[in-house]
Amino acid sequence: MAEKLTPEVHAAYERIHDSEEFTQLRNNYLRFVVPMTVGFMLWYLLYVVCSNWAPGLMGTQVFGTINVALLFGLLQFVTTFGIAWVYARYSARAMDPIAADLLDDFEREVGR
């Protein structure tokens, strides 16, 4: 069951939300997520567009029975895992220390 939000906890949340550190944490998050999301969506859209309007290109044999469409599809998975790996590294470096400090401040403030 969820813990009741006491006035002390609410005040701590408000203080943290208004802090410069939280603003920096949010900006670091958005600085990574927005370009990666836009980039990946464009990469996926290229795959869809080529599949629909460039069947000759997508059907081009690369080697054996492997064609460009299959490589594009497999690269979508590779890209997804690559982005997750890069995000984990970025988060550990640019966001986790700030979040840990904010959590420590919160726990000290509310006595947990």
PDB file of N, CA and C in Angstrom:
ATOM      1  N   MET A   1       0.839  -1.177   0.000  1.00  0.00           N
ATOM      2  CA  MET A   1       0.000   0.000   0.000  1.00  0.00           C
ATOM      3  C   MET A   1       0.889   1.248   0.000  1.00  0.00           C
ATOM      4  N   ALA A   2       0.467   2.257  -0.721  1.00  0.00           N
ATOM      5  CA  ALA A   2       1.252   3.483  -0.841  1.00  0.00           C
ATOM      6  C   ALA A   2       1.276   4.229   0.480  1.00  0.00           C
ATOM      7  N   GLU A   3       2.427   4.819   0.751  1.00  0.00           N
ATOM      8  CA  GLU A   3       2.598   5.595   1.970  1.00  0.00           C
ATOM      9  C   GLU A   3       1.894   6.937   1.812  1.00  0.00           C
ATOM     10  N   LYS A   4       1.273   7.396   2.903  1.00  0.00           N
ATOM     11  CA  LYS A   4       0.578   8.682   2.869  1.00  0.00           C
ATOM     12  C   LYS A   4       1.593   9.815   2.764  1.00  0.00           C
ATOM     13  N   LEU A   5       1.285  10.788   1.948  1.00  0.00           N
ATOM     14  CA  LEU A   5       2.172  11.928   1.720  1.00  0.00           C
ATOM     15  C   LEU A   5       1.963  12.941   2.848  1.00  0.00           C
ATOM     16  N   THR A   6       2.911  12.976   3.773  1.00  0.00           N
ATOM     17  CA  THR A   6       2.828  13.898   4.903  1.00  0.00           C
ATOM     18  C   THR A   6       3.252  15.294   4.458  1.00  0.00           C
ATOM     19  N   PRO A   7       2.930  16.312   5.238  1.00  0.00           N
ATOM     20  CA  PRO A   7       3.360  17.672   4.884  1.00  0.00           C
ATOM     21  C   PRO A   7       4.882  17.795   4.780  1.00  0.00           C
ATOM     22  N   GLU A   8       5.615  17.065   5.632  1.00  0.00           N
ATOM     23  CA  GLU A   8       7.076  17.123   5.576  1.00  0.00           C
ATOM     24  C   GLU A   8       7.596  16.534   4.261  1.00  0.00           C
ATOM     25  N   VAL A   9       7.021  15.407   3.873  1.00  0.00           N
ATOM     26  CA  VAL A   9       7.434  14.759   2.624  1.00  0.00           C
ATOM     27  C   VAL A   9       7.065  15.644   1.440  1.00  0.00           C
ATOM     28  N   HIS A  10       5.867  16.200   1.478  1.00  0.00           N
ATOM     29  CA  HIS A  10       5.443  17.091   0.396  1.00  0.00           C
ATOM     30  C   HIS A  10       6.380  18.295   0.282  1.00  0.00           C
ATOM     31  N   ALA A  11       6.733  18.881   1.403  1.00  0.00           N
ATOM     32  CA  ALA A  11       7.644  20.032   1.403  1.00  0.00           C
ATOM     33  C   ALA A  11       9.013  19.641   0.849  1.00  0.00           C
ATOM     34  N   ALA A  12       9.491  18.449   1.208  1.00  0.00           N
ATOM     35  CA  ALA A  12      10.779  17.975   0.692  1.00  0.00           C
ATOM     36  C   ALA A  12      10.711  17.782  -0.819  1.00  0.00           C
ATOM     37  N   TYR A  13       9.625  17.177  -1.295  1.00  0.00           N
ATOM     38  CA  TYR A  13       9.452  17.005  -2.743  1.00  0.00           C
ATOM     39  C   TYR A  13       9.463  18.354  -3.460  1.00  0.00           C
ATOM     40  N   GLU A  14       8.740  19.314  -2.912  1.00  0.00           N
ATOM     41  CA  GLU A  14       8.677  20.643  -3.526  1.00  0.00           C
ATOM     42  C   GLU A  14      10.054  21.299  -3.558  1.00  0.00           C
ATOM     43  N   ARG A  15      10.795  21.206  -2.445  1.00  0.00           N
ATOM     44  CA  ARG A  15      12.119  21.808  -2.385  1.00  0.00           C
ATOM     45  C   ARG A  15      13.040  21.172  -3.416  1.00  0.00           C
ATOM     46  N   ILE A  16      13.007  19.848  -3.510  1.00  0.00           N
ATOM     47  CA  ILE A  16      13.863  19.145  -4.470  1.00  0.00           C
ATOM     48  C   ILE A  16      13.453  19.500  -5.895  1.00  0.00           C
ATOM     49  N   HIS A  17      12.162  19.523  -6.150  1.00  0.00           N
ATOM     50  CA  HIS A  17      11.678  19.854  -7.496  1.00  0.00           C
ATOM     51  C   HIS A  17      12.122  21.240  -7.929  1.00  0.00           C
ATOM     52  N   ASP A  18      12.195  22.168  -6.989  1.00  0.00           N
ATOM     53  CA  ASP A  18      12.587  23.545  -7.295  1.00  0.00           C
ATOM     54  C   ASP A  18      14.095  23.761  -7.260  1.00  0.00           C
ATOM     55  N   SER A  19      14.861  22.734  -6.931  1.00  0.00           N
ATOM     56  CA  SER A  19      16.306  22.905  -6.775  1.00  0.00           C
ATOM     57  C   SER A  19      17.021  22.949  -8.128  1.00  0.00           C
ATOM     58  N   GLU A  20      18.180  23.575  -8.104  1.00  0.00           N
ATOM     59  CA  GLU A  20      19.026  23.653  -9.298  1.00  0.00           C
ATOM     60  C   GLU A  20      19.514  22.259  -9.716  1.00  0.00           C
ATOM     61  N   GLU A  21      19.771  21.393  -8.730  1.00  0.00           N
ATOM     62  CA  GLU A  21      20.247  20.042  -9.030  1.00  0.00           C
ATOM     63  C   GLU A  21      19.202  19.237  -9.795  1.00  0.00           C
ATOM     64  N   PHE A  22      17.926  19.366  -9.380  1.00  0.00           N
ATOM     65  CA  PHE A  22      16.860  18.646 -10.078  1.00  0.00           C
ATOM     66  C   PHE A  22      16.698  19.173 -11.503  1.00  0.00           C
ATOM     67  N   THR A  23      16.807  20.482 -11.658  1.00  0.00           N
ATOM     68  CA  THR A  23      16.744  21.063 -12.998  1.00  0.00           C
ATOM     69  C   THR A  23      17.877  20.531 -13.864  1.00  0.00           C
ATOM     70  N   GLN A  24      19.075  20.425 -13.285  1.00  0.00           N
ATOM     71  CA  GLN A  24      20.208  19.873 -14.021  1.00  0.00           C
ATOM     72  C   GLN A  24      19.972  18.407 -14.370  1.00  0.00           C
ATOM     73  N   LEU A  25      19.415  17.639 -13.444  1.00  0.00           N
ATOM     74  CA  LEU A  25      19.105  16.224 -13.696  1.00  0.00           C
ATOM     75  C   LEU A  25      18.114  16.089 -14.844  1.00  0.00           C
ATOM     76  N   ARG A  26      17.062  16.882 -14.800  1.00  0.00           N
ATOM     77  CA  ARG A  26      16.047  16.838 -15.864  1.00  0.00           C
ATOM     78  C   ARG A  26      16.650  17.257 -17.207  1.00  0.00           C
ATOM     79  N   ASN A  27      17.485  18.298 -17.205  1.00  0.00           N
ATOM     80  CA  ASN A  27      18.115  18.746 -18.444  1.00  0.00           C
ATOM     81  C   ASN A  27      19.077  17.705 -18.998  1.00  0.00           C
ATOM     82  N   ASN A  28      19.845  17.041 -18.114  1.00  0.00           N
ATOM     83  CA  ASN A  28      20.738  15.972 -18.572  1.00  0.00           C
ATOM     84  C   ASN A  28      19.953  14.837 -19.211  1.00  0.00           C
ATOM     85  N   TYR A  29      18.823  14.501 -18.598  1.00  0.00           N
ATOM     86  CA  TYR A  29      17.962  13.452 -19.144  1.00  0.00           C
ATOM     87  C   TYR A  29      17.440  13.841 -20.527  1.00  0.00           C
ATOM     88  N   LEU A  30      16.895  15.023 -20.626  1.00  0.00           N
ATOM     89  CA  LEU A  30      16.327  15.474 -21.902  1.00  0.00           C
ATOM     90  C   LEU A  30      17.401  15.647 -22.972  1.00  0.00           C
ATOM     91  N   ARG A  31      18.602  16.072 -22.566  1.00  0.00           N
ATOM     92  CA  ARG A  31      19.699  16.248 -23.514  1.00  0.00           C
ATOM     93  C   ARG A  31      20.057  14.929 -24.202  1.00  0.00           C
ATOM     94  N   PHE A  32      19.846  13.829 -23.528  1.00  0.00           N
ATOM     95  CA  PHE A  32      20.118  12.517 -24.119  1.00  0.00           C
ATOM     96  C   PHE A  32      18.887  11.966 -24.835  1.00  0.00           C
ATOM     97  N   VAL A  33      17.767  11.971 -24.138  1.00  0.00           N
ATOM     98  CA  VAL A  33      16.582  11.262 -24.621  1.00  0.00           C
ATOM     99  C   VAL A  33      15.989  11.883 -25.887  1.00  0.00           C
ATOM    100  N   VAL A  34      15.881  13.181 -25.941  1.00  0.00           N
ATOM    101  CA  VAL A  34      15.230  13.811 -27.097  1.00  0.00           C
ATOM    102  C   VAL A  34      16.003  13.543 -28.397  1.00  0.00           C
ATOM    103  N   PRO A  35      17.310  13.818 -28.470  1.00  0.00           N
ATOM    104  CA  PRO A  35      18.005  13.538 -29.732  1.00  0.00           C
ATOM    105  C   PRO A  35      18.023  12.044 -30.084  1.00  0.00           C
ATOM    106  N   MET A  36      18.181  11.183 -29.085  1.00  0.00           N
ATOM    107  CA  MET A  36      18.198   9.741 -29.371  1.00  0.00           C
ATOM    108  C   MET A  36      16.845   9.264 -29.882  1.00  0.00           C
ATOM    109  N   THR A  37      15.789   9.765 -29.291  1.00  0.00           N
ATOM    110  CA  THR A  37      14.451   9.378 -29.728  1.00  0.00           C
ATOM    111  C   THR A  37      14.184   9.859 -31.150  1.00  0.00           C
ATOM    112  N   VAL A  38      14.508  11.109 -31.417  1.00  0.00           N
ATOM    113  CA  VAL A  38      14.315  11.655 -32.768  1.00  0.00           C
ATOM    114  C   VAL A  38      15.177  10.881 -33.770  1.00  0.00           C
ATOM    115  N   GLY A  39      16.429  10.654 -33.418  1.00  0.00           N
ATOM    116  CA  GLY A  39      17.321   9.922 -34.316  1.00  0.00           C
ATOM    117  C   GLY A  39      16.836   8.514 -34.594  1.00  0.00           C
ATOM    118  N   PHE A  40      16.416   7.805 -33.559  1.00  0.00           N
ATOM    119  CA  PHE A  40      15.948   6.445 -33.769  1.00  0.00           C
ATOM    120  C   PHE A  40      14.656   6.421 -34.573  1.00  0.00           C
ATOM    121  N   MET A  41      13.762   7.353 -34.305  1.00  0.00           N
ATOM    122  CA  MET A  41      12.505   7.390 -35.072  1.00  0.00           C
ATOM    123  C   MET A  41      12.773   7.679 -36.549  1.00  0.00           C
ATOM    124  N   LEU A  42      13.726   8.564 -36.837  1.00  0.00           N
ATOM    125  CA  LEU A  42      14.083   8.825 -38.237  1.00  0.00           C
ATOM    126  C   LEU A  42      14.707   7.586 -38.875  1.00  0.00           C
ATOM    127  N   TRP A  43      15.561   6.895 -38.126  1.00  0.00           N
ATOM    128  CA  TRP A  43      16.183   5.655 -38.610  1.00  0.00           C
ATOM    129  C   TRP A  43      15.106   4.615 -38.908  1.00  0.00           C
ATOM    130  N   TYR A  44      14.114   4.463 -38.005  1.00  0.00           N
ATOM    131  CA  TYR A  44      13.027   3.517 -38.226  1.00  0.00           C
ATOM    132  C   TYR A  44      12.160   3.956 -39.409  1.00  0.00           C
ATOM    133  N   LEU A  45      11.880   5.254 -39.501  1.00  0.00           N
ATOM    134  CA  LEU A  45      11.081   5.764 -40.611  1.00  0.00           C
ATOM    135  C   LEU A  45      11.776   5.508 -41.944  1.00  0.00           C
ATOM    136  N   LEU A  46      13.097   5.641 -41.985  1.00  0.00           N
ATOM    137  CA  LEU A  46      13.847   5.318 -43.199  1.00  0.00           C
ATOM    138  C   LEU A  46      13.618   3.874 -43.604  1.00  0.00           C
ATOM    139  N   TYR A  47      13.635   2.978 -42.622  1.00  0.00           N
ATOM    140  CA  TYR A  47      13.378   1.553 -42.880  1.00  0.00           C
ATOM    141  C   TYR A  47      11.986   1.350 -43.471  1.00  0.00           C
ATOM    142  N   VAL A  48      10.985   1.982 -42.878  1.00  0.00           N
ATOM    143  CA  VAL A  48       9.602   1.840 -43.356  1.00  0.00           C
ATOM    144  C   VAL A  48       9.450   2.445 -44.745  1.00  0.00           C
ATOM    145  N   VAL A  49       9.994   3.628 -44.948  1.00  0.00           N
ATOM    146  CA  VAL A  49       9.886   4.301 -46.251  1.00  0.00           C
ATOM    147  C   VAL A  49      10.555   3.460 -47.336  1.00  0.00           C
ATOM    148  N   CYS A  50      11.762   2.985 -47.048  1.00  0.00           N
ATOM    149  CA  CYS A  50      12.463   2.162 -48.038  1.00  0.00           C
ATOM    150  C   CYS A  50      11.715   0.867 -48.316  1.00  0.00           C
ATOM    151  N   SER A  51      11.116   0.291 -47.293  1.00  0.00           N
ATOM    152  CA  SER A  51      10.354  -0.947 -47.477  1.00  0.00           C
ATOM    153  C   SER A  51       9.146  -0.725 -48.373  1.00  0.00           C
ATOM    154  N   ASN A  52       8.530   0.444 -48.252  1.00  0.00           N
ATOM    155  CA  ASN A  52       7.333   0.721 -49.047  1.00  0.00           C
ATOM    156  C   ASN A  52       7.626   1.285 -50.428  1.00  0.00           C
ATOM    157  N   TRP A  53       8.615   2.157 -50.543  1.00  0.00           N
ATOM    158  CA  TRP A  53       8.817   2.867 -51.796  1.00  0.00           C
ATOM    159  C   TRP A  53      10.136   2.563 -52.495  1.00  0.00           C
ATOM    160  N   ALA A  54      10.935   1.686 -51.929  1.00  0.00           N
ATOM    161  CA  ALA A  54      12.174   1.288 -52.599  1.00  0.00           C
ATOM    162  C   ALA A  54      12.366  -0.231 -52.491  1.00  0.00           C
ATOM    163  N   PRO A  55      11.374  -0.978 -53.006  1.00  0.00           N
ATOM    164  CA  PRO A  55      11.475  -2.435 -52.877  1.00  0.00           C
ATOM    165  C   PRO A  55      12.675  -3.009 -53.636  1.00  0.00           C
ATOM    166  N   GLY A  56      13.076  -2.342 -54.688  1.00  0.00           N
ATOM    167  CA  GLY A  56      14.248  -2.813 -55.423  1.00  0.00           C
ATOM    168  C   GLY A  56      15.502  -2.739 -54.569  1.00  0.00           C
ATOM    169  N   LEU A  57      15.661  -1.637 -53.866  1.00  0.00           N
ATOM    170  CA  LEU A  57      16.798  -1.480 -52.967  1.00  0.00           C
ATOM    171  C   LEU A  57      16.733  -2.501 -51.836  1.00  0.00           C
ATOM    172  N   MET A  58      15.582  -2.618 -51.207  1.00  0.00           N
ATOM    173  CA  MET A  58      15.448  -3.502 -50.057  1.00  0.00           C
ATOM    174  C   MET A  58      15.599  -4.970 -50.445  1.00  0.00           C
ATOM    175  N   GLY A  59      15.271  -5.303 -51.686  1.00  0.00           N
ATOM    176  CA  GLY A  59      15.393  -6.681 -52.142  1.00  0.00           C
ATOM    177  C   GLY A  59      16.774  -7.038 -52.672  1.00  0.00           C
ATOM    178  N   THR A  60      17.663  -6.068 -52.706  1.00  0.00           N
ATOM    179  CA  THR A  60      19.012  -6.309 -53.221  1.00  0.00           C
ATOM    180  C   THR A  60      19.735  -7.338 -52.349  1.00  0.00           C
ATOM    181  N   GLN A  61      20.231  -8.385 -53.007  1.00  0.00           N
ATOM    182  CA  GLN A  61      20.970  -9.424 -52.289  1.00  0.00           C
ATOM    183  C   GLN A  61      22.344  -8.884 -51.888  1.00  0.00           C
ATOM    184  N   VAL A  62      22.697  -9.065 -50.624  1.00  0.00           N
ATOM    185  CA  VAL A  62      23.993  -8.618 -50.133  1.00  0.00           C
ATOM    186  C   VAL A  62      24.970  -9.785 -50.197  1.00  0.00           C
ATOM    187  N   PHE A  63      24.556 -10.926 -49.640  1.00  0.00           N
ATOM    188  CA  PHE A  63      25.315 -12.171 -49.764  1.00  0.00           C
ATOM    189  C   PHE A  63      24.361 -13.322 -49.471  1.00  0.00           C
ATOM    190  N   GLY A  64      24.482 -14.352 -50.257  1.00  0.00           N
ATOM    191  CA  GLY A  64      23.585 -15.504 -50.106  1.00  0.00           C
ATOM    192  C   GLY A  64      22.138 -15.066 -50.214  1.00  0.00           C
ATOM    193  N   THR A  65      21.342 -15.493 -49.251  1.00  0.00           N
ATOM    194  CA  THR A  65      19.927 -15.106 -49.241  1.00  0.00           C
ATOM    195  C   THR A  65      19.670 -13.879 -48.366  1.00  0.00           C
ATOM    196  N   ILE A  66      20.724 -13.227 -47.917  1.00  0.00           N
ATOM    197  CA  ILE A  66      20.602 -12.033 -47.075  1.00  0.00           C
ATOM    198  C   ILE A  66      20.466 -10.814 -47.976  1.00  0.00           C
ATOM    199  N   ASN A  67      19.374 -10.063 -47.753  1.00  0.00           N
ATOM    200  CA  ASN A  67      19.176  -8.857 -48.552  1.00  0.00           C
ATOM    201  C   ASN A  67      19.231  -7.606 -47.673  1.00  0.00           C
ATOM    202  N   VAL A  68      19.131  -6.459 -48.286  1.00  0.00           N
ATOM    203  CA  VAL A  68      19.224  -5.179 -47.581  1.00  0.00           C
ATOM    204  C   VAL A  68      18.115  -5.051 -46.541  1.00  0.00           C
ATOM    205  N   ALA A  69      16.911  -5.497 -46.855  1.00  0.00           N
ATOM    206  CA  ALA A  69      15.788  -5.398 -45.919  1.00  0.00           C
ATOM    207  C   ALA A  69      16.078  -6.172 -44.634  1.00  0.00           C
ATOM    208  N   LEU A  70      16.612  -7.366 -44.757  1.00  0.00           N
ATOM    209  CA  LEU A  70      16.933  -8.158 -43.580  1.00  0.00           C
ATOM    210  C   LEU A  70      18.020  -7.473 -42.745  1.00  0.00           C
ATOM    211  N   LEU A  71      19.028  -6.928 -43.415  1.00  0.00           N
ATOM    212  CA  LEU A  71      20.076  -6.213 -42.688  1.00  0.00           C
ATOM    213  C   LEU A  71      19.520  -4.983 -41.968  1.00  0.00           C
ATOM    214  N   PHE A  72      18.641  -4.239 -42.651  1.00  0.00           N
ATOM    215  CA  PHE A  72      17.999  -3.082 -42.021  1.00  0.00           C
ATOM    216  C   PHE A  72      17.241  -3.513 -40.768  1.00  0.00           C
ATOM    217  N   GLY A  73      16.462  -4.573 -40.885  1.00  0.00           N
ATOM    218  CA  GLY A  73      15.685  -5.065 -39.746  1.00  0.00           C
ATOM    219  C   GLY A  73      16.572  -5.481 -38.589  1.00  0.00           C
ATOM    220  N   LEU A  74      17.625  -6.213 -38.881  1.00  0.00           N
ATOM    221  CA  LEU A  74      18.541  -6.636 -37.827  1.00  0.00           C
ATOM    222  C   LEU A  74      19.251  -5.441 -37.198  1.00  0.00           C
ATOM    223  N   LEU A  75      19.590  -4.460 -38.013  1.00  0.00           N
ATOM    224  CA  LEU A  75      20.231  -3.264 -37.476  1.00  0.00           C
ATOM    225  C   LEU A  75      19.307  -2.462 -36.557  1.00  0.00           C
ATOM    226  N   GLN A  76      17.985  -2.593 -36.748  1.00  0.00           N
ATOM    227  CA  GLN A  76      17.052  -1.947 -35.822  1.00  0.00           C
ATOM    228  C   GLN A  76      17.249  -2.503 -34.411  1.00  0.00           C
ATOM    229  N   PHE A  77      17.404  -3.832 -34.314  1.00  0.00           N
ATOM    230  CA  PHE A  77      17.648  -4.448 -33.002  1.00  0.00           C
ATOM    231  C   PHE A  77      18.998  -4.019 -32.440  1.00  0.00           C
ATOM    232  N   VAL A  78      20.011  -4.035 -33.274  1.00  0.00           N
ATOM    233  CA  VAL A  78      21.355  -3.645 -32.836  1.00  0.00           C
ATOM    234  C   VAL A  78      21.334  -2.202 -32.330  1.00  0.00           C
ATOM    235  N   THR A  79      20.651  -1.343 -33.058  1.00  0.00           N
ATOM    236  CA  THR A  79      20.554   0.062 -32.664  1.00  0.00           C
ATOM    237  C   THR A  79      19.849   0.204 -31.313  1.00  0.00           C
ATOM    238  N   THR A  80      18.780  -0.542 -31.119  1.00  0.00           N
ATOM    239  CA  THR A  80      18.041  -0.479 -29.858  1.00  0.00           C
ATOM    240  C   THR A  80      18.930  -0.861 -28.682  1.00  0.00           C
ATOM    241  N   PHE A  81      19.639  -1.969 -28.809  1.00  0.00           N
ATOM    242  CA  PHE A  81      20.520  -2.390 -27.725  1.00  0.00           C
ATOM    243  C   PHE A  81      21.698  -1.429 -27.560  1.00  0.00           C
ATOM    244  N   GLY A  82      22.185  -0.885 -28.663  1.00  0.00           N
ATOM    245  CA  GLY A  82      23.268   0.098 -28.585  1.00  0.00           C
ATOM    246  C   GLY A  82      22.845   1.351 -27.843  1.00  0.00           C
ATOM    247  N   ILE A  83      21.653   1.832 -28.134  1.00  0.00           N
ATOM    248  CA  ILE A  83      21.144   3.020 -27.446  1.00  0.00           C
ATOM    249  C   ILE A  83      20.977   2.728 -25.956  1.00  0.00           C
ATOM    250  N   ALA A  84      20.467   1.552 -25.619  1.00  0.00           N
ATOM    251  CA  ALA A  84      20.302   1.189 -24.206  1.00  0.00           C
ATOM    252  C   ALA A  84      21.658   1.159 -23.496  1.00  0.00           C
ATOM    253  N   TRP A  85      22.670   0.614 -24.140  1.00  0.00           N
ATOM    254  CA  TRP A  85      24.006   0.535 -23.551  1.00  0.00           C
ATOM    255  C   TRP A  85      24.591   1.941 -23.362  1.00  0.00           C
ATOM    256  N   VAL A  86      24.474   2.776 -24.389  1.00  0.00           N
ATOM    257  CA  VAL A  86      24.992   4.146 -24.295  1.00  0.00           C
ATOM    258  C   VAL A  86      24.236   4.931 -23.222  1.00  0.00           C
ATOM    259  N   TYR A  87      22.916   4.727 -23.138  1.00  0.00           N
ATOM    260  CA  TYR A  87      22.126   5.413 -22.115  1.00  0.00           C
ATOM    261  C   TYR A  87      22.565   4.992 -20.711  1.00  0.00           C
ATOM    262  N   ALA A  88      22.824   3.706 -20.507  1.00  0.00           N
ATOM    263  CA  ALA A  88      23.263   3.234 -19.189  1.00  0.00           C
ATOM    264  C   ALA A  88      24.581   3.896 -18.794  1.00  0.00           C
ATOM    265  N   ARG A  89      25.493   4.006 -19.739  1.00  0.00           N
ATOM    266  CA  ARG A  89      26.778   4.654 -19.459  1.00  0.00           C
ATOM    267  C   ARG A  89      26.588   6.152 -19.191  1.00  0.00           C
ATOM    268  N   TYR A  90      25.776   6.800 -20.010  1.00  0.00           N
ATOM    269  CA  TYR A  90      25.514   8.225 -19.844  1.00  0.00           C
ATOM    270  C   TYR A  90      24.834   8.488 -18.499  1.00  0.00           C
ATOM    271  N   SER A  91      23.846   7.669 -18.181  1.00  0.00           N
ATOM    272  CA  SER A  91      23.122   7.827 -16.930  1.00  0.00           C
ATOM    273  C   SER A  91      24.042   7.664 -15.726  1.00  0.00           C
ATOM    274  N   ALA A  92      24.899   6.650 -15.764  1.00  0.00           N
ATOM    275  CA  ALA A  92      25.822   6.413 -14.648  1.00  0.00           C
ATOM    276  C   ALA A  92      26.769   7.589 -14.451  1.00  0.00           C
ATOM    277  N   ARG A  93      27.129   8.242 -15.542  1.00  0.00           N
ATOM    278  CA  ARG A  93      28.082   9.349 -15.469  1.00  0.00           C
ATOM    279  C   ARG A  93      27.408  10.688 -15.180  1.00  0.00           C
ATOM    280  N   ALA A  94      26.305  10.980 -15.865  1.00  0.00           N
ATOM    281  CA  ALA A  94      25.736  12.331 -15.836  1.00  0.00           C
ATOM    282  C   ALA A  94      24.483  12.485 -14.980  1.00  0.00           C
ATOM    283  N   MET A  95      23.827  11.372 -14.634  1.00  0.00           N
ATOM    284  CA  MET A  95      22.561  11.509 -13.915  1.00  0.00           C
ATOM    285  C   MET A  95      22.545  10.807 -12.560  1.00  0.00           C
ATOM    286  N   ASP A  96      23.093   9.619 -12.475  1.00  0.00           N
ATOM    287  CA  ASP A  96      23.019   8.862 -11.225  1.00  0.00           C
ATOM    288  C   ASP A  96      23.648   9.576 -10.034  1.00  0.00           C
ATOM    289  N   PRO A  97      24.810  10.230 -10.183  1.00  0.00           N
ATOM    290  CA  PRO A  97      25.358  10.936  -9.017  1.00  0.00           C
ATOM    291  C   PRO A  97      24.440  12.050  -8.511  1.00  0.00           C
ATOM    292  N   ILE A  98      23.828  12.777  -9.418  1.00  0.00           N
ATOM    293  CA  ILE A  98      22.912  13.855  -9.023  1.00  0.00           C
ATOM    294  C   ILE A  98      21.685  13.267  -8.341  1.00  0.00           C
ATOM    295  N   ALA A  99      21.130  12.197  -8.928  1.00  0.00           N
ATOM    296  CA  ALA A  99      19.948  11.562  -8.347  1.00  0.00           C
ATOM    297  C   ALA A  99      20.256  10.995  -6.964  1.00  0.00           C
ATOM    298  N   ALA A 100      21.433  10.401  -6.792  1.00  0.00           N
ATOM    299  CA  ALA A 100      21.816   9.852  -5.486  1.00  0.00           C
ATOM    300  C   ALA A 100      21.928  10.971  -4.448  1.00  0.00           C
ATOM    301  N   ASP A 101      22.508  12.099  -4.829  1.00  0.00           N
ATOM    302  CA  ASP A 101      22.613  13.240  -3.903  1.00  0.00           C
ATOM    303  C   ASP A 101      21.224  13.763  -3.525  1.00  0.00           C
ATOM    304  N   LEU A 102      20.339  13.853  -4.500  1.00  0.00           N
ATOM    305  CA  LEU A 102      18.985  14.321  -4.216  1.00  0.00           C
ATOM    306  C   LEU A 102      18.261  13.343  -3.291  1.00  0.00           C
ATOM    307  N   LEU A 103      18.445  12.049  -3.512  1.00  0.00           N
ATOM    308  CA  LEU A 103      17.821  11.050  -2.647  1.00  0.00           C
ATOM    309  C   LEU A 103      18.369  11.135  -1.228  1.00  0.00           C
ATOM    310  N   ASP A 104      19.688  11.291  -1.100  1.00  0.00           N
ATOM    311  CA  ASP A 104      20.288  11.445   0.233  1.00  0.00           C
ATOM    312  C   ASP A 104      19.730  12.671   0.944  1.00  0.00           C
ATOM    313  N   ASP A 105      19.634  13.785   0.222  1.00  0.00           N
ATOM    314  CA  ASP A 105      19.060  15.008   0.806  1.00  0.00           C
ATOM    315  C   ASP A 105      17.626  14.770   1.260  1.00  0.00           C
ATOM    316  N   PHE A 106      16.856  14.106   0.421  1.00  0.00           N
ATOM    317  CA  PHE A 106      15.445  13.830   0.750  1.00  0.00           C
ATOM    318  C   PHE A 106      15.353  12.961   1.999  1.00  0.00           C
ATOM    319  N   GLU A 107      16.133  11.887   2.050  1.00  0.00           N
ATOM    320  CA  GLU A 107      16.058  10.979   3.190  1.00  0.00           C
ATOM    321  C   GLU A 107      16.506  11.665   4.483  1.00  0.00           C
ATOM    322  N   ARG A 108      17.525  12.525   4.407  1.00  0.00           N
ATOM    323  CA  ARG A 108      17.937  13.295   5.585  1.00  0.00           C
ATOM    324  C   ARG A 108      16.844  14.246   6.029  1.00  0.00           C
ATOM    325  N   GLU A 109      16.204  14.874   5.055  1.00  0.00           N
ATOM    326  CA  GLU A 109      15.183  15.888   5.374  1.00  0.00           C
ATOM    327  C   GLU A 109      13.945  15.278   6.013  1.00  0.00           C
ATOM    328  N   VAL A 110      13.526  14.116   5.543  1.00  0.00           N
ATOM    329  CA  VAL A 110      12.292  13.519   6.092  1.00  0.00           C
ATOM    330  C   VAL A 110      12.591  12.484   7.149  1.00  0.00           C
ATOM    331  N   GLY A 111      13.871  12.232   7.436  1.00  0.00           N
ATOM    332  CA  GLY A 111      14.237  11.324   8.521  1.00  0.00           C
ATOM    333  C   GLY A 111      14.060   9.860   8.201  1.00  0.00           C
ATOM    334  N   ARG A 112      14.416   9.444   7.011  1.00  0.00           N
ATOM    335  CA  ARG A 112      14.287   8.022   6.646  1.00  0.00           C
ATOM    336  C   ARG A 112      15.628   7.383   6.581  1.00  0.00           C
TER     337      ARG A 112
END
